[in-house]
Amino acid sequence: AKSRGLCWSHGGGTKCSVADCQKTTISKGLCWTHGGGKRCAFVGCKRPASQSKHNCCAKHQPKRPKSSPKLPSTCSSCDICIVPI
């Protein structure tokens, strides 16, 4: 999608609502630096998260057990809940 006739990488898109910030918004009217976007569910991690990675960053996403690739794995953010594969 384009806004102002440009794609986000060429200056289109909605700009961050923080004064003097020219970055493109991710969510809540804010860029990543100012609090937009989803953070990793792992305690203390501030990396970007992805819903497809169970709300974790690439480093903390659940790993498949090597011995049995079709079994569910535990969530790296709490090591309690089971994440279906």
PDB file of N, CA and C in Angstrom:
ATOM      1  N   ALA A   1       0.838  -1.185   0.000  1.00  0.00           N
ATOM      2  CA  ALA A   1       0.000   0.000   0.000  1.00  0.00           C
ATOM      3  C   ALA A   1       0.880   1.244   0.000  1.00  0.00           C
ATOM      4  N   LYS A   2       0.366   2.284  -0.574  1.00  0.00           N
ATOM      5  CA  LYS A   2       1.122   3.530  -0.666  1.00  0.00           C
ATOM      6  C   LYS A   2       0.365   4.647   0.024  1.00  0.00           C
ATOM      7  N   SER A   3       1.100   5.586   0.548  1.00  0.00           N
ATOM      8  CA  SER A   3       0.493   6.800   1.079  1.00  0.00           C
ATOM      9  C   SER A   3       1.367   7.959   0.624  1.00  0.00           C
ATOM     10  N   ARG A   4       0.745   9.054   0.326  1.00  0.00           N
ATOM     11  CA  ARG A   4       1.436  10.214  -0.256  1.00  0.00           C
ATOM     12  C   ARG A   4       2.130   9.840  -1.564  1.00  0.00           C
ATOM     13  N   GLY A   5       1.617   8.790  -2.238  1.00  0.00           N
ATOM     14  CA  GLY A   5       2.176   8.367  -3.513  1.00  0.00           C
ATOM     15  C   GLY A   5       3.477   7.596  -3.409  1.00  0.00           C
ATOM     16  N   LEU A   6       3.899   7.252  -2.195  1.00  0.00           N
ATOM     17  CA  LEU A   6       5.169   6.549  -1.999  1.00  0.00           C
ATOM     18  C   LEU A   6       4.990   5.325  -1.109  1.00  0.00           C
ATOM     19  N   CYS A   7       5.824   4.314  -1.313  1.00  0.00           N
ATOM     20  CA  CYS A   7       5.840   3.176  -0.397  1.00  0.00           C
ATOM     21  C   CYS A   7       6.586   3.605   0.870  1.00  0.00           C
ATOM     22  N   TRP A   8       6.503   2.808   1.931  1.00  0.00           N
ATOM     23  CA  TRP A   8       7.117   3.208   3.207  1.00  0.00           C
ATOM     24  C   TRP A   8       8.620   3.365   3.105  1.00  0.00           C
ATOM     25  N   SER A   9       9.284   2.565   2.273  1.00  0.00           N
ATOM     26  CA  SER A   9      10.741   2.671   2.177  1.00  0.00           C
ATOM     27  C   SER A   9      11.201   3.933   1.449  1.00  0.00           C
ATOM     28  N   HIS A  10      10.287   4.599   0.743  1.00  0.00           N
ATOM     29  CA  HIS A  10      10.635   5.834   0.046  1.00  0.00           C
ATOM     30  C   HIS A  10       9.950   7.057   0.643  1.00  0.00           C
ATOM     31  N   GLY A  11       9.508   6.954   1.898  1.00  0.00           N
ATOM     32  CA  GLY A  11       8.952   8.115   2.585  1.00  0.00           C
ATOM     33  C   GLY A  11       7.450   8.127   2.731  1.00  0.00           C
ATOM     34  N   GLY A  12       6.766   7.124   2.210  1.00  0.00           N
ATOM     35  CA  GLY A  12       5.318   7.041   2.378  1.00  0.00           C
ATOM     36  C   GLY A  12       4.981   6.457   3.736  1.00  0.00           C
ATOM     37  N   GLY A  13       3.723   6.219   3.969  1.00  0.00           N
ATOM     38  CA  GLY A  13       3.292   5.654   5.245  1.00  0.00           C
ATOM     39  C   GLY A  13       3.086   6.733   6.287  1.00  0.00           C
ATOM     40  N   THR A  14       2.487   6.346   7.386  1.00  0.00           N
ATOM     41  CA  THR A  14       2.226   7.272   8.483  1.00  0.00           C
ATOM     42  C   THR A  14       3.484   7.442   9.316  1.00  0.00           C
ATOM     43  N   LYS A  15       3.809   8.657   9.659  1.00  0.00           N
ATOM     44  CA  LYS A  15       5.006   8.939  10.455  1.00  0.00           C
ATOM     45  C   LYS A  15       4.703   8.819  11.943  1.00  0.00           C
ATOM     46  N   CYS A  16       5.726   8.529  12.722  1.00  0.00           N
ATOM     47  CA  CYS A  16       5.633   8.400  14.179  1.00  0.00           C
ATOM     48  C   CYS A  16       5.066   9.687  14.782  1.00  0.00           C
ATOM     49  N   SER A  17       4.239   9.529  15.809  1.00  0.00           N
ATOM     50  CA  SER A  17       3.591  10.691  16.424  1.00  0.00           C
ATOM     51  C   SER A  17       4.490  11.451  17.401  1.00  0.00           C
ATOM     52  N   VAL A  18       5.695  10.954  17.670  1.00  0.00           N
ATOM     53  CA  VAL A  18       6.634  11.656  18.552  1.00  0.00           C
ATOM     54  C   VAL A  18       7.259  12.816  17.774  1.00  0.00           C
ATOM     55  N   ALA A  19       7.342  13.973  18.411  1.00  0.00           N
ATOM     56  CA  ALA A  19       7.871  15.178  17.757  1.00  0.00           C
ATOM     57  C   ALA A  19       9.261  14.932  17.179  1.00  0.00           C
ATOM     58  N   ASP A  20       9.494  15.418  15.974  1.00  0.00           N
ATOM     59  CA  ASP A  20      10.771  15.347  15.258  1.00  0.00           C
ATOM     60  C   ASP A  20      11.186  13.944  14.836  1.00  0.00           C
ATOM     61  N   CYS A  21      10.335  12.938  14.995  1.00  0.00           N
ATOM     62  CA  CYS A  21      10.661  11.585  14.540  1.00  0.00           C
ATOM     63  C   CYS A  21      10.074  11.392  13.149  1.00  0.00           C
ATOM     64  N   GLN A  22      10.887  11.000  12.205  1.00  0.00           N
ATOM     65  CA  GLN A  22      10.450  10.817  10.822  1.00  0.00           C
ATOM     66  C   GLN A  22      10.301   9.347  10.437  1.00  0.00           C
ATOM     67  N   LYS A  23      10.402   8.439  11.408  1.00  0.00           N
ATOM     68  CA  LYS A  23      10.281   7.011  11.120  1.00  0.00           C
ATOM     69  C   LYS A  23       8.823   6.637  10.872  1.00  0.00           C
ATOM     70  N   THR A  24       8.615   5.535  10.161  1.00  0.00           N
ATOM     71  CA  THR A  24       7.273   5.049   9.848  1.00  0.00           C
ATOM     72  C   THR A  24       6.690   4.313  11.046  1.00  0.00           C
ATOM     73  N   THR A  25       5.384   4.500  11.270  1.00  0.00           N
ATOM     74  CA  THR A  25       4.733   3.838  12.403  1.00  0.00           C
ATOM     75  C   THR A  25       4.617   2.341  12.175  1.00  0.00           C
ATOM     76  N   ILE A  26       4.629   1.620  13.282  1.00  0.00           N
ATOM     77  CA  ILE A  26       4.403   0.181  13.261  1.00  0.00           C
ATOM     78  C   ILE A  26       3.032  -0.100  13.848  1.00  0.00           C
ATOM     79  N   SER A  27       2.760   0.461  15.013  1.00  0.00           N
ATOM     80  CA  SER A  27       1.444   0.336  15.651  1.00  0.00           C
ATOM     81  C   SER A  27       1.278   1.451  16.668  1.00  0.00           C
ATOM     82  N   LYS A  28       0.034   1.708  17.048  1.00  0.00           N
ATOM     83  CA  LYS A  28      -0.302   2.726  18.048  1.00  0.00           C
ATOM     84  C   LYS A  28       0.236   4.109  17.691  1.00  0.00           C
ATOM     85  N   GLY A  29       0.459   4.380  16.414  1.00  0.00           N
ATOM     86  CA  GLY A  29       0.964   5.677  15.981  1.00  0.00           C
ATOM     87  C   GLY A  29       2.424   5.907  16.320  1.00  0.00           C
ATOM     88  N   LEU A  30       3.143   4.838  16.662  1.00  0.00           N
ATOM     89  CA  LEU A  30       4.539   4.961  17.073  1.00  0.00           C
ATOM     90  C   LEU A  30       5.449   4.070  16.238  1.00  0.00           C
ATOM     91  N   CYS A  31       6.694   4.500  16.078  1.00  0.00           N
ATOM     92  CA  CYS A  31       7.702   3.676  15.419  1.00  0.00           C
ATOM     93  C   CYS A  31       8.250   2.678  16.448  1.00  0.00           C
ATOM     94  N   TRP A  32       9.105   1.780  16.004  1.00  0.00           N
ATOM     95  CA  TRP A  32       9.673   0.770  16.903  1.00  0.00           C
ATOM     96  C   TRP A  32      10.430   1.432  18.064  1.00  0.00           C
ATOM     97  N   THR A  33      11.224   2.438  17.790  1.00  0.00           N
ATOM     98  CA  THR A  33      12.032   3.107  18.814  1.00  0.00           C
ATOM     99  C   THR A  33      11.183   3.713  19.925  1.00  0.00           C
ATOM    100  N   HIS A  34      10.011   4.222  19.578  1.00  0.00           N
ATOM    101  CA  HIS A  34       9.166   4.910  20.557  1.00  0.00           C
ATOM    102  C   HIS A  34       8.037   4.049  21.111  1.00  0.00           C
ATOM    103  N   GLY A  35       8.112   2.740  20.948  1.00  0.00           N
ATOM    104  CA  GLY A  35       7.150   1.840  21.592  1.00  0.00           C
ATOM    105  C   GLY A  35       6.125   1.189  20.695  1.00  0.00           C
ATOM    106  N   GLY A  36       6.221   1.370  19.390  1.00  0.00           N
ATOM    107  CA  GLY A  36       5.306   0.687  18.483  1.00  0.00           C
ATOM    108  C   GLY A  36       5.746  -0.752  18.267  1.00  0.00           C
ATOM    109  N   GLY A  37       4.842  -1.600  17.870  1.00  0.00           N
ATOM    110  CA  GLY A  37       5.174  -2.995  17.581  1.00  0.00           C
ATOM    111  C   GLY A  37       5.112  -3.879  18.811  1.00  0.00           C
ATOM    112  N   LYS A  38       5.197  -5.162  18.574  1.00  0.00           N
ATOM    113  CA  LYS A  38       5.100  -6.164  19.631  1.00  0.00           C
ATOM    114  C   LYS A  38       6.500  -6.576  20.074  1.00  0.00           C
ATOM    115  N   ARG A  39       6.693  -6.730  21.380  1.00  0.00           N
ATOM    116  CA  ARG A  39       7.981  -7.147  21.927  1.00  0.00           C
ATOM    117  C   ARG A  39       7.952  -8.638  22.252  1.00  0.00           C
ATOM    118  N   CYS A  40       9.122  -9.223  22.337  1.00  0.00           N
ATOM    119  CA  CYS A  40       9.276 -10.639  22.670  1.00  0.00           C
ATOM    120  C   CYS A  40       8.688 -10.930  24.045  1.00  0.00           C
ATOM    121  N   ALA A  41       8.048 -12.097  24.188  1.00  0.00           N
ATOM    122  CA  ALA A  41       7.428 -12.495  25.449  1.00  0.00           C
ATOM    123  C   ALA A  41       8.452 -12.976  26.473  1.00  0.00           C
ATOM    124  N   PHE A  42       9.691 -13.213  26.059  1.00  0.00           N
ATOM    125  CA  PHE A  42      10.731 -13.673  26.976  1.00  0.00           C
ATOM    126  C   PHE A  42      11.067 -12.545  27.949  1.00  0.00           C
ATOM    127  N   VAL A  43      11.105 -12.839  29.229  1.00  0.00           N
ATOM    128  CA  VAL A  43      11.327 -11.821  30.263  1.00  0.00           C
ATOM    129  C   VAL A  43      12.659 -11.103  30.028  1.00  0.00           C
ATOM    130  N   GLY A  44      12.598  -9.781  29.940  1.00  0.00           N
ATOM    131  CA  GLY A  44      13.789  -8.963  29.777  1.00  0.00           C
ATOM    132  C   GLY A  44      14.219  -8.734  28.334  1.00  0.00           C
ATOM    133  N   CYS A  45      13.611  -9.429  27.382  1.00  0.00           N
ATOM    134  CA  CYS A  45      13.982  -9.271  25.972  1.00  0.00           C
ATOM    135  C   CYS A  45      13.147  -8.154  25.355  1.00  0.00           C
ATOM    136  N   LYS A  46      13.792  -7.264  24.618  1.00  0.00           N
ATOM    137  CA  LYS A  46      13.093  -6.139  23.995  1.00  0.00           C
ATOM    138  C   LYS A  46      13.130  -6.217  22.469  1.00  0.00           C
ATOM    139  N   ARG A  47      13.461  -7.385  21.936  1.00  0.00           N
ATOM    140  CA  ARG A  47      13.514  -7.560  20.483  1.00  0.00           C
ATOM    141  C   ARG A  47      12.105  -7.621  19.890  1.00  0.00           C
ATOM    142  N   PRO A  48      11.981  -7.388  18.577  1.00  0.00           N
ATOM    143  CA  PRO A  48      10.675  -7.506  17.925  1.00  0.00           C
ATOM    144  C   PRO A  48      10.159  -8.936  17.983  1.00  0.00           C
ATOM    145  N   ALA A  49       8.860  -9.082  18.204  1.00  0.00           N
ATOM    146  CA  ALA A  49       8.239 -10.406  18.277  1.00  0.00           C
ATOM    147  C   ALA A  49       7.374 -10.649  17.052  1.00  0.00           C
ATOM    148  N   SER A  50       7.087 -11.909  16.813  1.00  0.00           N
ATOM    149  CA  SER A  50       6.228 -12.295  15.702  1.00  0.00           C
ATOM    150  C   SER A  50       5.184 -13.273  16.206  1.00  0.00           C
ATOM    151  N   GLN A  51       3.934 -13.070  15.807  1.00  0.00           N
ATOM    152  CA  GLN A  51       2.880 -13.982  16.226  1.00  0.00           C
ATOM    153  C   GLN A  51       3.147 -15.378  15.674  1.00  0.00           C
ATOM    154  N   SER A  52       3.735 -15.465  14.493  1.00  0.00           N
ATOM    155  CA  SER A  52       4.037 -16.771  13.915  1.00  0.00           C
ATOM    156  C   SER A  52       5.138 -17.489  14.689  1.00  0.00           C
ATOM    157  N   LYS A  53       5.862 -16.759  15.534  1.00  0.00           N
ATOM    158  CA  LYS A  53       6.898 -17.349  16.387  1.00  0.00           C
ATOM    159  C   LYS A  53       6.423 -17.393  17.832  1.00  0.00           C
ATOM    160  N   HIS A  54       5.107 -17.449  18.025  1.00  0.00           N
ATOM    161  CA  HIS A  54       4.479 -17.552  19.346  1.00  0.00           C
ATOM    162  C   HIS A  54       4.812 -16.358  20.229  1.00  0.00           C
ATOM    163  N   ASN A  55       4.782 -15.151  19.629  1.00  0.00           N
ATOM    164  CA  ASN A  55       5.045 -13.882  20.317  1.00  0.00           C
ATOM    165  C   ASN A  55       6.444 -13.804  20.911  1.00  0.00           C
ATOM    166  N   CYS A  56       7.382 -14.455  20.276  1.00  0.00           N
ATOM    167  CA  CYS A  56       8.781 -14.396  20.692  1.00  0.00           C
ATOM    168  C   CYS A  56       9.617 -13.880  19.521  1.00  0.00           C
ATOM    169  N   CYS A  57      10.823 -13.429  19.836  1.00  0.00           N
ATOM    170  CA  CYS A  57      11.753 -13.036  18.784  1.00  0.00           C
ATOM    171  C   CYS A  57      12.376 -14.305  18.191  1.00  0.00           C
ATOM    172  N   ALA A  58      13.180 -14.154  17.167  1.00  0.00           N
ATOM    173  CA  ALA A  58      13.801 -15.312  16.523  1.00  0.00           C
ATOM    174  C   ALA A  58      14.700 -16.075  17.494  1.00  0.00           C
ATOM    175  N   LYS A  59      15.344 -15.383  18.414  1.00  0.00           N
ATOM    176  CA  LYS A  59      16.240 -16.037  19.371  1.00  0.00           C
ATOM    177  C   LYS A  59      15.477 -16.870  20.397  1.00  0.00           C
ATOM    178  N   HIS A  60      14.306 -16.429  20.823  1.00  0.00           N
ATOM    179  CA  HIS A  60      13.560 -17.093  21.892  1.00  0.00           C
ATOM    180  C   HIS A  60      12.368 -17.915  21.418  1.00  0.00           C
ATOM    181  N   GLN A  61      12.184 -18.064  20.121  1.00  0.00           N
ATOM    182  CA  GLN A  61      11.052 -18.852  19.633  1.00  0.00           C
ATOM    183  C   GLN A  61      11.203 -20.313  20.051  1.00  0.00           C
ATOM    184  N   PRO A  62      10.089 -21.016  20.242  1.00  0.00           N
ATOM    185  CA  PRO A  62      10.161 -22.424  20.643  1.00  0.00           C
ATOM    186  C   PRO A  62      10.926 -23.247  19.612  1.00  0.00           C
ATOM    187  N   LYS A  63      11.753 -24.134  20.107  1.00  0.00           N
ATOM    188  CA  LYS A  63      12.536 -25.011  19.244  1.00  0.00           C
ATOM    189  C   LYS A  63      11.869 -26.373  19.176  1.00  0.00           C
ATOM    190  N   ARG A  64      11.932 -26.986  18.022  1.00  0.00           N
ATOM    191  CA  ARG A  64      11.413 -28.343  17.889  1.00  0.00           C
ATOM    192  C   ARG A  64      12.422 -29.309  18.495  1.00  0.00           C
ATOM    193  N   PRO A  65      11.936 -30.294  19.248  1.00  0.00           N
ATOM    194  CA  PRO A  65      12.878 -31.301  19.757  1.00  0.00           C
ATOM    195  C   PRO A  65      13.525 -32.029  18.584  1.00  0.00           C
ATOM    196  N   LYS A  66      14.845 -32.211  18.613  1.00  0.00           N
ATOM    197  CA  LYS A  66      15.556 -32.837  17.498  1.00  0.00           C
ATOM    198  C   LYS A  66      15.202 -34.313  17.348  1.00  0.00           C
ATOM    199  N   SER A  67      14.947 -34.993  18.463  1.00  0.00           N
ATOM    200  CA  SER A  67      14.675 -36.422  18.396  1.00  0.00           C
ATOM    201  C   SER A  67      13.295 -36.732  17.829  1.00  0.00           C
ATOM    202  N   SER A  68      12.345 -35.827  17.977  1.00  0.00           N
ATOM    203  CA  SER A  68      10.984 -36.075  17.529  1.00  0.00           C
ATOM    204  C   SER A  68      10.381 -34.784  16.972  1.00  0.00           C
ATOM    205  N   PRO A  69      10.575 -34.498  15.690  1.00  0.00           N
ATOM    206  CA  PRO A  69      10.159 -33.214  15.124  1.00  0.00           C
ATOM    207  C   PRO A  69       8.658 -32.950  15.106  1.00  0.00           C
ATOM    208  N   LYS A  70       7.804 -33.961  15.346  1.00  0.00           N
ATOM    209  CA  LYS A  70       6.366 -33.733  15.296  1.00  0.00           C
ATOM    210  C   LYS A  70       5.749 -33.524  16.673  1.00  0.00           C
ATOM    211  N   LEU A  71       6.526 -33.609  17.736  1.00  0.00           N
ATOM    212  CA  LEU A  71       6.007 -33.394  19.082  1.00  0.00           C
ATOM    213  C   LEU A  71       5.981 -31.909  19.409  1.00  0.00           C
ATOM    214  N   PRO A  72       5.044 -31.469  20.261  1.00  0.00           N
ATOM    215  CA  PRO A  72       5.036 -30.059  20.666  1.00  0.00           C
ATOM    216  C   PRO A  72       6.245 -29.736  21.534  1.00  0.00           C
ATOM    217  N   SER A  73       6.609 -28.477  21.580  1.00  0.00           N
ATOM    218  CA  SER A  73       7.732 -28.054  22.409  1.00  0.00           C
ATOM    219  C   SER A  73       7.243 -27.092  23.479  1.00  0.00           C
ATOM    220  N   THR A  74       8.081 -26.828  24.473  1.00  0.00           N
ATOM    221  CA  THR A  74       7.697 -25.879  25.515  1.00  0.00           C
ATOM    222  C   THR A  74       8.018 -24.469  25.048  1.00  0.00           C
ATOM    223  N   CYS A  75       7.276 -23.522  25.569  1.00  0.00           N
ATOM    224  CA  CYS A  75       7.457 -22.115  25.236  1.00  0.00           C
ATOM    225  C   CYS A  75       8.724 -21.610  25.918  1.00  0.00           C
ATOM    226  N   SER A  76       9.593 -20.929  25.180  1.00  0.00           N
ATOM    227  CA  SER A  76      10.846 -20.455  25.764  1.00  0.00           C
ATOM    228  C   SER A  76      10.646 -19.299  26.732  1.00  0.00           C
ATOM    229  N   SER A  77       9.468 -18.653  26.698  1.00  0.00           N
ATOM    230  CA  SER A  77       9.268 -17.518  27.593  1.00  0.00           C
ATOM    231  C   SER A  77       8.902 -17.956  29.007  1.00  0.00           C
ATOM    232  N   CYS A  78       8.404 -19.184  29.158  1.00  0.00           N
ATOM    233  CA  CYS A  78       8.050 -19.609  30.515  1.00  0.00           C
ATOM    234  C   CYS A  78       8.423 -21.063  30.794  1.00  0.00           C
ATOM    235  N   ASP A  79       8.757 -21.857  29.791  1.00  0.00           N
ATOM    236  CA  ASP A  79       9.101 -23.274  29.923  1.00  0.00           C
ATOM    237  C   ASP A  79       8.002 -24.102  30.569  1.00  0.00           C
ATOM    238  N   ILE A  80       6.769 -23.611  30.555  1.00  0.00           N
ATOM    239  CA  ILE A  80       5.651 -24.351  31.137  1.00  0.00           C
ATOM    240  C   ILE A  80       4.635 -24.711  30.062  1.00  0.00           C
ATOM    241  N   CYS A  81       4.169 -23.708  29.321  1.00  0.00           N
ATOM    242  CA  CYS A  81       3.112 -23.977  28.353  1.00  0.00           C
ATOM    243  C   CYS A  81       3.657 -24.771  27.169  1.00  0.00           C
ATOM    244  N   ILE A  82       2.797 -25.566  26.582  1.00  0.00           N
ATOM    245  CA  ILE A  82       3.165 -26.386  25.438  1.00  0.00           C
ATOM    246  C   ILE A  82       2.706 -25.680  24.168  1.00  0.00           C
ATOM    247  N   VAL A  83       3.602 -25.573  23.225  1.00  0.00           N
ATOM    248  CA  VAL A  83       3.316 -24.896  21.970  1.00  0.00           C
ATOM    249  C   VAL A  83       3.113 -25.957  20.895  1.00  0.00           C
ATOM    250  N   PRO A  84       1.915 -26.042  20.303  1.00  0.00           N
ATOM    251  CA  PRO A  84       1.712 -27.034  19.243  1.00  0.00           C
ATOM    252  C   PRO A  84       2.494 -26.661  17.997  1.00  0.00           C
ATOM    253  N   ILE A  85       2.966 -27.655  17.295  1.00  0.00           N
ATOM    254  CA  ILE A  85       3.741 -27.415  16.077  1.00  0.00           C
ATOM    255  C   ILE A  85       2.867 -27.625  14.869  1.00  0.00           C
TER     256      ILE A  85
END
